[in-house]
């Protein structure tokens, strides 16, 4: 049995399927990038118009990973450049130890 795509989907379905906000859906409806019909009080978005919108978007490009250079602060924090600090106080023991 062939599964057919639905003609219309609710705005909640579009939000879930495509990960866009309700405000963004209505913004795209206002600009004409998405099409919809009204059934009573419900707004049903024409599914193919959303697919066409995403098909028109440019492909994402990623640059190669850059080599990270240690900053001056990181160099200054190396173990040889830091003094030993006092042990951290534990919760409940807010007063210094008295010996």
PDB file of N, CA and C in Angstrom:
ATOM      1  N   UNK A   1       0.835  -1.168   0.000  1.00  0.00           N
ATOM      2  CA  UNK A   1       0.000   0.000   0.000  1.00  0.00           C
ATOM      3  C   UNK A   1       0.888   1.241   0.000  1.00  0.00           C
ATOM      4  N   UNK A   2       0.595   2.186  -0.851  1.00  0.00           N
ATOM      5  CA  UNK A   2       1.382   3.407  -0.949  1.00  0.00           C
ATOM      6  C   UNK A   2       0.945   4.407   0.114  1.00  0.00           C
ATOM      7  N   UNK A   3       1.943   4.995   0.744  1.00  0.00           N
ATOM      8  CA  UNK A   3       1.622   6.053   1.703  1.00  0.00           C
ATOM      9  C   UNK A   3       1.727   7.379   0.990  1.00  0.00           C
ATOM     10  N   UNK A   4       0.688   8.163   1.081  1.00  0.00           N
ATOM     11  CA  UNK A   4       0.685   9.468   0.455  1.00  0.00           C
ATOM     12  C   UNK A   4       0.940  10.538   1.493  1.00  0.00           C
ATOM     13  N   UNK A   5       1.571  11.619   1.057  1.00  0.00           N
ATOM     14  CA  UNK A   5       1.783  12.755   1.946  1.00  0.00           C
ATOM     15  C   UNK A   5       0.450  13.446   2.173  1.00  0.00           C
ATOM     16  N   UNK A   6       0.243  13.942   3.366  1.00  0.00           N
ATOM     17  CA  UNK A   6      -1.007  14.669   3.603  1.00  0.00           C
ATOM     18  C   UNK A   6      -0.996  15.985   2.832  1.00  0.00           C
ATOM     19  N   UNK A   7      -2.165  16.423   2.423  1.00  0.00           N
ATOM     20  CA  UNK A   7      -2.279  17.681   1.702  1.00  0.00           C
ATOM     21  C   UNK A   7      -2.042  18.854   2.643  1.00  0.00           C
ATOM     22  N   UNK A   8      -2.623  18.796   3.837  1.00  0.00           N
ATOM     23  CA  UNK A   8      -2.508  19.877   4.818  1.00  0.00           C
ATOM     24  C   UNK A   8      -2.092  19.305   6.169  1.00  0.00           C
ATOM     25  N   UNK A   9      -1.411  20.138   6.937  1.00  0.00           N
ATOM     26  CA  UNK A   9      -1.040  19.772   8.308  1.00  0.00           C
ATOM     27  C   UNK A   9      -1.353  20.949   9.210  1.00  0.00           C
ATOM     28  N   UNK A  10      -1.602  20.667  10.455  1.00  0.00           N
ATOM     29  CA  UNK A  10      -1.850  21.735  11.428  1.00  0.00           C
ATOM     30  C   UNK A  10      -0.541  22.466  11.704  1.00  0.00           C
ATOM     31  N   UNK A  11      -0.652  23.658  12.264  1.00  0.00           N
ATOM     32  CA  UNK A  11       0.565  24.406  12.605  1.00  0.00           C
ATOM     33  C   UNK A  11       1.377  23.659  13.654  1.00  0.00           C
ATOM     34  N   UNK A  12       0.714  22.936  14.549  1.00  0.00           N
ATOM     35  CA  UNK A  12       1.428  22.142  15.554  1.00  0.00           C
ATOM     36  C   UNK A  12       2.252  21.044  14.883  1.00  0.00           C
ATOM     37  N   UNK A  13       1.692  20.400  13.866  1.00  0.00           N
ATOM     38  CA  UNK A  13       2.428  19.361  13.135  1.00  0.00           C
ATOM     39  C   UNK A  13       3.635  19.957  12.412  1.00  0.00           C
ATOM     40  N   UNK A  14       3.448  21.108  11.794  1.00  0.00           N
ATOM     41  CA  UNK A  14       4.555  21.761  11.075  1.00  0.00           C
ATOM     42  C   UNK A  14       5.667  22.122  12.058  1.00  0.00           C
ATOM     43  N   UNK A  15       5.271  22.628  13.229  1.00  0.00           N
ATOM     44  CA  UNK A  15       6.261  22.960  14.261  1.00  0.00           C
ATOM     45  C   UNK A  15       7.063  21.728  14.633  1.00  0.00           C
ATOM     46  N   UNK A  16       6.389  20.614  14.855  1.00  0.00           N
ATOM     47  CA  UNK A  16       7.050  19.385  15.268  1.00  0.00           C
ATOM     48  C   UNK A  16       7.936  18.811  14.158  1.00  0.00           C
ATOM     49  N   UNK A  17       7.417  18.761  12.948  1.00  0.00           N
ATOM     50  CA  UNK A  17       8.139  18.122  11.844  1.00  0.00           C
ATOM     51  C   UNK A  17       9.356  18.918  11.377  1.00  0.00           C
ATOM     52  N   UNK A  18       9.251  20.247  11.381  1.00  0.00           N
ATOM     53  CA  UNK A  18      10.312  21.068  10.815  1.00  0.00           C
ATOM     54  C   UNK A  18      11.088  21.868  11.852  1.00  0.00           C
ATOM     55  N   UNK A  19      10.637  21.850  13.100  1.00  0.00           N
ATOM     56  CA  UNK A  19      11.380  22.523  14.159  1.00  0.00           C
ATOM     57  C   UNK A  19      11.366  24.035  14.063  1.00  0.00           C
ATOM     58  N   UNK A  20      10.273  24.601  13.584  1.00  0.00           N
ATOM     59  CA  UNK A  20      10.179  26.058  13.521  1.00  0.00           C
ATOM     60  C   UNK A  20       9.049  26.512  14.431  1.00  0.00           C
ATOM     61  N   UNK A  21       9.165  27.721  14.930  1.00  0.00           N
ATOM     62  CA  UNK A  21       8.201  28.220  15.908  1.00  0.00           C
ATOM     63  C   UNK A  21       6.865  28.575  15.252  1.00  0.00           C
ATOM     64  N   UNK A  22       5.867  28.685  16.103  1.00  0.00           N
ATOM     65  CA  UNK A  22       4.531  29.083  15.643  1.00  0.00           C
ATOM     66  C   UNK A  22       4.589  30.475  15.028  1.00  0.00           C
ATOM     67  N   UNK A  23       5.322  31.375  15.661  1.00  0.00           N
ATOM     68  CA  UNK A  23       5.461  32.733  15.130  1.00  0.00           C
ATOM     69  C   UNK A  23       6.105  32.727  13.750  1.00  0.00           C
ATOM     70  N   UNK A  24       7.112  31.880  13.579  1.00  0.00           N
ATOM     71  CA  UNK A  24       7.787  31.792  12.275  1.00  0.00           C
ATOM     72  C   UNK A  24       6.846  31.250  11.217  1.00  0.00           C
ATOM     73  N   UNK A  25       5.994  30.310  11.567  1.00  0.00           N
ATOM     74  CA  UNK A  25       5.017  29.770  10.611  1.00  0.00           C
ATOM     75  C   UNK A  25       4.087  30.881  10.144  1.00  0.00           C
ATOM     76  N   UNK A  26       3.543  31.644  11.091  1.00  0.00           N
ATOM     77  CA  UNK A  26       2.618  32.715  10.713  1.00  0.00           C
ATOM     78  C   UNK A  26       3.334  33.842   9.980  1.00  0.00           C
ATOM     79  N   UNK A  27       4.598  34.067  10.295  1.00  0.00           N
ATOM     80  CA  UNK A  27       5.384  35.072   9.553  1.00  0.00           C
ATOM     81  C   UNK A  27       5.534  34.636   8.098  1.00  0.00           C
ATOM     82  N   UNK A  28       5.841  33.360   7.880  1.00  0.00           N
ATOM     83  CA  UNK A  28       5.983  32.835   6.510  1.00  0.00           C
ATOM     84  C   UNK A  28       4.640  32.819   5.785  1.00  0.00           C
ATOM     85  N   UNK A  29       3.565  32.579   6.501  1.00  0.00           N
ATOM     86  CA  UNK A  29       2.236  32.656   5.883  1.00  0.00           C
ATOM     87  C   UNK A  29       1.951  34.086   5.447  1.00  0.00           C
ATOM     88  N   UNK A  30       2.345  35.048   6.267  1.00  0.00           N
ATOM     89  CA  UNK A  30       2.122  36.458   5.948  1.00  0.00           C
ATOM     90  C   UNK A  30       2.909  36.928   4.739  1.00  0.00           C
ATOM     91  N   UNK A  31       4.115  36.384   4.552  1.00  0.00           N
ATOM     92  CA  UNK A  31       4.933  36.777   3.401  1.00  0.00           C
ATOM     93  C   UNK A  31       4.575  35.984   2.149  1.00  0.00           C
ATOM     94  N   UNK A  32       3.739  34.951   2.294  1.00  0.00           N
ATOM     95  CA  UNK A  32       3.345  34.144   1.142  1.00  0.00           C
ATOM     96  C   UNK A  32       4.276  32.983   0.861  1.00  0.00           C
ATOM     97  N   UNK A  33       5.276  32.779   1.703  1.00  0.00           N
ATOM     98  CA  UNK A  33       6.192  31.648   1.493  1.00  0.00           C
ATOM     99  C   UNK A  33       5.545  30.324   1.839  1.00  0.00           C
ATOM    100  N   UNK A  34       4.621  30.319   2.802  1.00  0.00           N
ATOM    101  CA  UNK A  34       3.790  29.155   3.101  1.00  0.00           C
ATOM    102  C   UNK A  34       2.370  29.501   2.676  1.00  0.00           C
ATOM    103  N   UNK A  35       1.620  28.482   2.272  1.00  0.00           N
ATOM    104  CA  UNK A  35       0.210  28.673   1.948  1.00  0.00           C
ATOM    105  C   UNK A  35      -0.625  27.886   2.950  1.00  0.00           C
ATOM    106  N   UNK A  36      -1.841  28.359   3.196  1.00  0.00           N
ATOM    107  CA  UNK A  36      -2.707  27.684   4.168  1.00  0.00           C
ATOM    108  C   UNK A  36      -4.161  27.843   3.773  1.00  0.00           C
ATOM    109  N   UNK A  37      -4.986  27.024   4.387  1.00  0.00           N
ATOM    110  CA  UNK A  37      -6.425  27.136   4.249  1.00  0.00           C
ATOM    111  C   UNK A  37      -7.017  27.203   5.656  1.00  0.00           C
ATOM    112  N   UNK A  38      -8.234  27.721   5.748  1.00  0.00           N
ATOM    113  CA  UNK A  38      -8.926  27.772   7.025  1.00  0.00           C
ATOM    114  C   UNK A  38     -10.066  26.763   7.002  1.00  0.00           C
ATOM    115  N   UNK A  39     -10.163  25.974   8.043  1.00  0.00           N
ATOM    116  CA  UNK A  39     -11.277  25.048   8.229  1.00  0.00           C
ATOM    117  C   UNK A  39     -11.884  25.429   9.573  1.00  0.00           C
ATOM    118  N   UNK A  40     -12.952  26.191   9.508  1.00  0.00           N
ATOM    119  CA  UNK A  40     -13.509  26.736  10.743  1.00  0.00           C
ATOM    120  C   UNK A  40     -12.508  27.715  11.338  1.00  0.00           C
ATOM    121  N   UNK A  41     -12.092  27.464  12.566  1.00  0.00           N
ATOM    122  CA  UNK A  41     -11.094  28.323  13.215  1.00  0.00           C
ATOM    123  C   UNK A  41      -9.675  27.805  13.030  1.00  0.00           C
ATOM    124  N   UNK A  42      -9.540  26.591  12.529  1.00  0.00           N
ATOM    125  CA  UNK A  42      -8.212  25.981  12.366  1.00  0.00           C
ATOM    126  C   UNK A  42      -7.518  26.490  11.123  1.00  0.00           C
ATOM    127  N   UNK A  43      -6.210  26.703  11.252  1.00  0.00           N
ATOM    128  CA  UNK A  43      -5.373  27.039  10.111  1.00  0.00           C
ATOM    129  C   UNK A  43      -4.603  25.780   9.740  1.00  0.00           C
ATOM    130  N   UNK A  44      -4.795  25.311   8.527  1.00  0.00           N
ATOM    131  CA  UNK A  44      -4.080  24.138   8.035  1.00  0.00           C
ATOM    132  C   UNK A  44      -3.110  24.581   6.951  1.00  0.00           C
ATOM    133  N   UNK A  45      -1.850  24.264   7.166  1.00  0.00           N
ATOM    134  CA  UNK A  45      -0.793  24.678   6.249  1.00  0.00           C
ATOM    135  C   UNK A  45      -0.664  23.639   5.145  1.00  0.00           C
ATOM    136  N   UNK A  46      -0.580  24.101   3.910  1.00  0.00           N
ATOM    137  CA  UNK A  46      -0.412  23.196   2.771  1.00  0.00           C
ATOM    138  C   UNK A  46       1.017  22.669   2.817  1.00  0.00           C
ATOM    139  N   UNK A  47       1.111  21.372   3.011  1.00  0.00           N
ATOM    140  CA  UNK A  47       2.385  20.713   3.290  1.00  0.00           C
ATOM    141  C   UNK A  47       3.411  20.933   2.185  1.00  0.00           C
ATOM    142  N   UNK A  48       2.984  20.868   0.942  1.00  0.00           N
ATOM    143  CA  UNK A  48       3.924  21.013  -0.176  1.00  0.00           C
ATOM    144  C   UNK A  48       4.554  22.406  -0.200  1.00  0.00           C
ATOM    145  N   UNK A  49       3.836  23.437   0.299  1.00  0.00           N
ATOM    146  CA  UNK A  49       4.408  24.783   0.308  1.00  0.00           C
ATOM    147  C   UNK A  49       5.570  24.881   1.305  1.00  0.00           C
ATOM    148  N   UNK A  50       5.471  24.135   2.389  1.00  0.00           N
ATOM    149  CA  UNK A  50       6.560  24.128   3.375  1.00  0.00           C
ATOM    150  C   UNK A  50       7.762  23.381   2.808  1.00  0.00           C
ATOM    151  N   UNK A  51       7.505  22.259   2.160  1.00  0.00           N
ATOM    152  CA  UNK A  51       8.598  21.499   1.537  1.00  0.00           C
ATOM    153  C   UNK A  51       9.298  22.323   0.459  1.00  0.00           C
ATOM    154  N   UNK A  52       8.520  23.034  -0.345  1.00  0.00           N
ATOM    155  CA  UNK A  52       9.107  23.879  -1.390  1.00  0.00           C
ATOM    156  C   UNK A  52       9.969  24.979  -0.789  1.00  0.00           C
ATOM    157  N   UNK A  53       9.509  25.551   0.329  1.00  0.00           N
ATOM    158  CA  UNK A  53      10.284  26.592   1.006  1.00  0.00           C
ATOM    159  C   UNK A  53      11.644  26.042   1.441  1.00  0.00           C
ATOM    160  N   UNK A  54      11.648  24.881   2.068  1.00  0.00           N
ATOM    161  CA  UNK A  54      12.913  24.303   2.534  1.00  0.00           C
ATOM    162  C   UNK A  54      13.791  23.860   1.374  1.00  0.00           C
ATOM    163  N   UNK A  55      13.195  23.454   0.264  1.00  0.00           N
ATOM    164  CA  UNK A  55      13.983  23.088  -0.918  1.00  0.00           C
ATOM    165  C   UNK A  55      14.691  24.298  -1.519  1.00  0.00           C
ATOM    166  N   UNK A  56      14.102  25.486  -1.367  1.00  0.00           N
ATOM    167  CA  UNK A  56      14.710  26.707  -1.911  1.00  0.00           C
ATOM    168  C   UNK A  56      15.862  27.240  -1.053  1.00  0.00           C
ATOM    169  N   UNK A  57      15.954  26.813   0.192  1.00  0.00           N
ATOM    170  CA  UNK A  57      17.014  27.321   1.073  1.00  0.00           C
ATOM    171  C   UNK A  57      18.383  26.827   0.597  1.00  0.00           C
ATOM    172  N   UNK A  58      19.418  27.644   0.763  1.00  0.00           N
ATOM    173  CA  UNK A  58      20.751  27.209   0.338  1.00  0.00           C
ATOM    174  C   UNK A  58      21.290  26.105   1.253  1.00  0.00           C
ATOM    175  N   UNK A  59      22.148  25.303   0.688  1.00  0.00           N
ATOM    176  CA  UNK A  59      22.771  24.231   1.469  1.00  0.00           C
ATOM    177  C   UNK A  59      23.741  24.837   2.482  1.00  0.00           C
ATOM    178  N   UNK A  60      23.834  24.199   3.626  1.00  0.00           N
ATOM    179  CA  UNK A  60      24.758  24.668   4.659  1.00  0.00           C
ATOM    180  C   UNK A  60      26.183  24.305   4.265  1.00  0.00           C
ATOM    181  N   UNK A  61      27.095  25.219   4.519  1.00  0.00           N
ATOM    182  CA  UNK A  61      28.509  24.943   4.273  1.00  0.00           C
ATOM    183  C   UNK A  61      29.263  25.125   5.580  1.00  0.00           C
ATOM    184  N   UNK A  62      30.261  24.316   5.766  1.00  0.00           N
ATOM    185  CA  UNK A  62      31.048  24.357   6.988  1.00  0.00           C
ATOM    186  C   UNK A  62      32.521  24.477   6.627  1.00  0.00           C
ATOM    187  N   UNK A  63      33.212  25.338   7.338  1.00  0.00           N
ATOM    188  CA  UNK A  63      34.640  25.485   7.088  1.00  0.00           C
ATOM    189  C   UNK A  63      35.394  24.419   7.877  1.00  0.00           C
ATOM    190  N   UNK A  64      36.607  24.089   7.430  1.00  0.00           N
ATOM    191  CA  UNK A  64      37.373  23.078   8.150  1.00  0.00           C
ATOM    192  C   UNK A  64      37.695  23.552   9.562  1.00  0.00           C
ATOM    193  N   UNK A  65      37.936  22.595  10.432  1.00  0.00           N
ATOM    194  CA  UNK A  65      38.224  22.906  11.827  1.00  0.00           C
ATOM    195  C   UNK A  65      39.521  23.697  11.919  1.00  0.00           C
ATOM    196  N   UNK A  66      39.451  24.810  12.654  1.00  0.00           N
ATOM    197  CA  UNK A  66      40.636  25.643  12.818  1.00  0.00           C
ATOM    198  C   UNK A  66      41.475  25.140  13.973  1.00  0.00           C
ATOM    199  N   UNK A  67      42.760  25.354  13.874  1.00  0.00           N
ATOM    200  CA  UNK A  67      43.657  24.977  14.950  1.00  0.00           C
ATOM    201  C   UNK A  67      43.560  26.037  16.045  1.00  0.00           C
ATOM    202  N   UNK A  68      43.365  25.584  17.255  1.00  0.00           N
ATOM    203  CA  UNK A  68      43.194  26.500  18.370  1.00  0.00           C
ATOM    204  C   UNK A  68      44.560  26.817  18.961  1.00  0.00           C
ATOM    205  N   UNK A  69      44.813  28.111  19.148  1.00  0.00           N
ATOM    206  CA  UNK A  69      46.062  28.558  19.750  1.00  0.00           C
ATOM    207  C   UNK A  69      45.758  28.954  21.186  1.00  0.00           C
ATOM    208  N   UNK A  70      46.604  28.529  22.115  1.00  0.00           N
ATOM    209  CA  UNK A  70      46.377  28.866  23.512  1.00  0.00           C
ATOM    210  C   UNK A  70      46.450  30.369  23.704  1.00  0.00           C
ATOM    211  N   UNK A  71      45.493  30.878  24.447  1.00  0.00           N
ATOM    212  CA  UNK A  71      45.509  32.303  24.737  1.00  0.00           C
ATOM    213  C   UNK A  71      46.498  32.584  25.856  1.00  0.00           C
ATOM    214  N   UNK A  72      46.825  33.839  26.043  1.00  0.00           N
ATOM    215  CA  UNK A  72      47.769  34.237  27.073  1.00  0.00           C
ATOM    216  C   UNK A  72      47.263  33.822  28.451  1.00  0.00           C
ATOM    217  N   UNK A  73      45.954  33.890  28.674  1.00  0.00           N
ATOM    218  CA  UNK A  73      45.386  33.511  29.964  1.00  0.00           C
ATOM    219  C   UNK A  73      45.584  32.028  30.216  1.00  0.00           C
ATOM    220  N   UNK A  74      45.353  31.192  29.190  1.00  0.00           N
ATOM    221  CA  UNK A  74      45.547  29.752  29.357  1.00  0.00           C
ATOM    222  C   UNK A  74      46.997  29.426  29.651  1.00  0.00           C
ATOM    223  N   UNK A  75      47.919  30.137  29.034  1.00  0.00           N
ATOM    224  CA  UNK A  75      49.341  29.906  29.283  1.00  0.00           C
ATOM    225  C   UNK A  75      49.678  30.267  30.725  1.00  0.00           C
ATOM    226  N   UNK A  76      49.078  31.337  31.217  1.00  0.00           N
ATOM    227  CA  UNK A  76      49.353  31.772  32.581  1.00  0.00           C
ATOM    228  C   UNK A  76      48.754  30.815  33.611  1.00  0.00           C
ATOM    229  N   UNK A  77      47.767  30.021  33.225  1.00  0.00           N
ATOM    230  CA  UNK A  77      47.106  29.111  34.156  1.00  0.00           C
ATOM    231  C   UNK A  77      47.726  27.718  34.185  1.00  0.00           C
ATOM    232  N   UNK A  78      48.802  27.518  33.511  1.00  0.00           N
ATOM    233  CA  UNK A  78      49.440  26.207  33.531  1.00  0.00           C
ATOM    234  C   UNK A  78      49.924  25.907  34.939  1.00  0.00           C
ATOM    235  N   UNK A  79      50.001  24.633  35.338  1.00  0.00           N
ATOM    236  CA  UNK A  79      50.362  24.277  36.710  1.00  0.00           C
ATOM    237  C   UNK A  79      51.678  24.890  37.189  1.00  0.00           C
ATOM    238  N   UNK A  80      52.638  25.051  36.322  1.00  0.00           N
ATOM    239  CA  UNK A  80      53.910  25.606  36.746  1.00  0.00           C
ATOM    240  C   UNK A  80      53.818  27.092  37.070  1.00  0.00           C
ATOM    241  N   UNK A  81      52.774  27.779  36.574  1.00  0.00           N
ATOM    242  CA  UNK A  81      52.628  29.210  36.800  1.00  0.00           C
ATOM    243  C   UNK A  81      51.608  29.549  37.882  1.00  0.00           C
ATOM    244  N   UNK A  82      50.961  28.558  38.473  1.00  0.00           N
ATOM    245  CA  UNK A  82      49.941  28.848  39.476  1.00  0.00           C
ATOM    246  C   UNK A  82      50.403  28.380  40.842  1.00  0.00           C
ATOM    247  N   UNK A  83      50.058  29.135  41.857  1.00  0.00           N
ATOM    248  CA  UNK A  83      50.358  28.743  43.225  1.00  0.00           C
ATOM    249  C   UNK A  83      49.270  27.805  43.702  1.00  0.00           C
ATOM    250  N   UNK A  84      49.596  26.959  44.655  1.00  0.00           N
ATOM    251  CA  UNK A  84      48.584  26.053  45.187  1.00  0.00           C
ATOM    252  C   UNK A  84      47.600  26.846  46.012  1.00  0.00           C
ATOM    253  N   UNK A  85      46.352  26.630  45.740  1.00  0.00           N
ATOM    254  CA  UNK A  85      45.310  27.337  46.482  1.00  0.00           C
ATOM    255  C   UNK A  85      44.854  26.479  47.651  1.00  0.00           C
ATOM    256  N   UNK A  86      44.220  27.114  48.607  1.00  0.00           N
ATOM    257  CA  UNK A  86      43.691  26.400  49.763  1.00  0.00           C
ATOM    258  C   UNK A  86      42.558  25.496  49.310  1.00  0.00           C
ATOM    259  N   UNK A  87      42.339  24.375  50.018  1.00  0.00           N
ATOM    260  CA  UNK A  87      41.247  23.479  49.618  1.00  0.00           C
ATOM    261  C   UNK A  87      39.905  24.183  49.732  1.00  0.00           C
ATOM    262  N   UNK A  88      39.004  23.824  48.852  1.00  0.00           N
ATOM    263  CA  UNK A  88      37.677  24.439  48.841  1.00  0.00           C
ATOM    264  C   UNK A  88      36.917  24.048  50.097  1.00  0.00           C
ATOM    265  N   UNK A  89      36.140  24.984  50.624  1.00  0.00           N
ATOM    266  CA  UNK A  89      35.340  24.705  51.813  1.00  0.00           C
ATOM    267  C   UNK A  89      34.111  23.920  51.401  1.00  0.00           C
ATOM    268  N   UNK A  90      33.757  22.990  52.232  1.00  0.00           N
ATOM    269  CA  UNK A  90      32.568  22.192  51.952  1.00  0.00           C
ATOM    270  C   UNK A  90      31.342  22.871  52.505  1.00  0.00           C
ATOM    271  N   UNK A  91      30.245  22.582  51.910  1.00  0.00           N
ATOM    272  CA  UNK A  91      28.970  23.141  52.359  1.00  0.00           C
ATOM    273  C   UNK A  91      28.720  22.690  53.803  1.00  0.00           C
ATOM    274  N   UNK A  92      28.332  23.596  54.638  1.00  0.00           N
ATOM    275  CA  UNK A  92      28.085  23.284  56.026  1.00  0.00           C
ATOM    276  C   UNK A  92      29.287  23.582  56.907  1.00  0.00           C
ATOM    277  N   UNK A  93      30.469  23.580  56.321  1.00  0.00           N
ATOM    278  CA  UNK A  93      31.683  23.901  57.065  1.00  0.00           C
ATOM    279  C   UNK A  93      32.181  25.242  56.566  1.00  0.00           C
ATOM    280  N   UNK A  94      31.519  26.309  57.002  1.00  0.00           N
ATOM    281  CA  UNK A  94      31.816  27.620  56.487  1.00  0.00           C
ATOM    282  C   UNK A  94      32.875  28.354  57.308  1.00  0.00           C
ATOM    283  N   UNK A  95      33.267  27.776  58.445  1.00  0.00           N
ATOM    284  CA  UNK A  95      34.300  28.413  59.248  1.00  0.00           C
ATOM    285  C   UNK A  95      35.618  27.711  59.010  1.00  0.00           C
ATOM    286  N   UNK A  96      36.729  28.444  59.055  1.00  0.00           N
ATOM    287  CA  UNK A  96      38.031  27.797  58.878  1.00  0.00           C
ATOM    288  C   UNK A  96      38.312  26.838  60.011  1.00  0.00           C
ATOM    289  N   UNK A  97      39.074  25.815  59.698  1.00  0.00           N
ATOM    290  CA  UNK A  97      39.429  24.822  60.716  1.00  0.00           C
ATOM    291  C   UNK A  97      40.314  25.466  61.775  1.00  0.00           C
ATOM    292  N   UNK A  98      40.025  25.207  63.012  1.00  0.00           N
ATOM    293  CA  UNK A  98      40.886  25.719  64.083  1.00  0.00           C
ATOM    294  C   UNK A  98      41.613  24.543  64.710  1.00  0.00           C
ATOM    295  N   UNK A  99      42.927  24.621  64.719  1.00  0.00           N
ATOM    296  CA  UNK A  99      43.758  23.535  65.264  1.00  0.00           C
ATOM    297  C   UNK A  99      44.409  23.942  66.540  1.00  0.00           C
TER     298      UNK A  99
END
